[in-house]
Amino acid sequence: MRPLQISAETAQKLAEALDVPIEQVMHLPQHVLVQKLVELERNESGNSNNE
């Protein structure tokens, strides 16, 4: 499997947001990464509605 075609800056931001090593972000399958981003967005949306 090829690494994701994203910039190093984007990978770094994703690693911080998902709290995983940058190497793991680069080798995640695309569908898994999308799922994690959706979960992250839901959590952020839920937190902003509760404030």
Protein backbone atom coordinates (compact mmCIF):
# COMPACT_ATOMS: atom_id res chain seq x y z
CA MET A 1 0.00 0.00 0.00
CA ARG A 2 1.30 3.45 -0.90
CA PRO A 3 1.53 6.18 1.74
CA LEU A 4 -1.16 8.85 1.56
CA GLN A 5 -0.59 11.64 -0.92
CA ILE A 6 -0.71 14.50 1.60
CA SER A 7 1.78 17.17 2.52
CA ALA A 8 4.06 16.80 5.52
CA GLU A 9 2.33 19.78 7.16
CA THR A 10 -1.09 18.17 6.73
CA ALA A 11 0.18 14.86 8.09
CA GLN A 12 1.63 16.64 11.11
CA LYS A 13 -1.66 18.44 11.83
CA LEU A 14 -3.60 15.18 11.47
CA ALA A 15 -1.19 13.36 13.78
CA GLU A 16 -1.67 16.03 16.44
CA ALA A 17 -5.46 16.07 16.04
CA LEU A 18 -5.76 12.27 16.14
CA ASP A 19 -3.06 11.90 18.81
CA VAL A 20 -1.11 9.28 16.84
CA PRO A 21 2.47 9.20 15.50
CA ILE A 22 2.93 10.86 12.12
CA GLU A 23 4.20 7.57 10.66
CA GLN A 24 0.90 5.93 11.54
CA VAL A 25 -1.06 8.72 9.83
CA MET A 26 0.95 8.32 6.63
CA HIS A 27 0.25 4.59 6.45
CA LEU A 28 -3.41 4.56 7.41
CA PRO A 29 -5.72 3.34 4.67
CA GLN A 30 -7.62 6.28 3.23
CA HIS A 31 -11.04 5.00 4.35
CA VAL A 32 -9.81 4.61 7.94
CA LEU A 33 -8.37 8.12 7.93
CA VAL A 34 -11.66 9.54 6.63
CA GLN A 35 -13.56 7.67 9.35
CA LYS A 36 -11.26 9.07 12.05
CA LEU A 37 -11.66 12.59 10.69
CA VAL A 38 -15.45 12.24 10.75
CA GLU A 39 -15.29 11.07 14.38
CA LEU A 40 -13.00 13.98 15.25
CA GLU A 41 -15.38 16.46 13.59
CA ARG A 42 -18.37 15.00 15.45
CA ASN A 43 -16.53 15.32 18.75
CA GLU A 44 -15.58 18.92 18.03
CA SER A 45 -19.13 19.76 16.93
CA GLY A 46 -20.53 18.16 20.07
CA ASN A 47 -18.14 20.09 22.28
CA SER A 48 -18.92 23.43 20.66
CA ASN A 49 -22.68 22.88 21.08
CA ASN A 50 -22.26 22.18 24.79
CA GLU A 51 -20.36 25.41 25.55
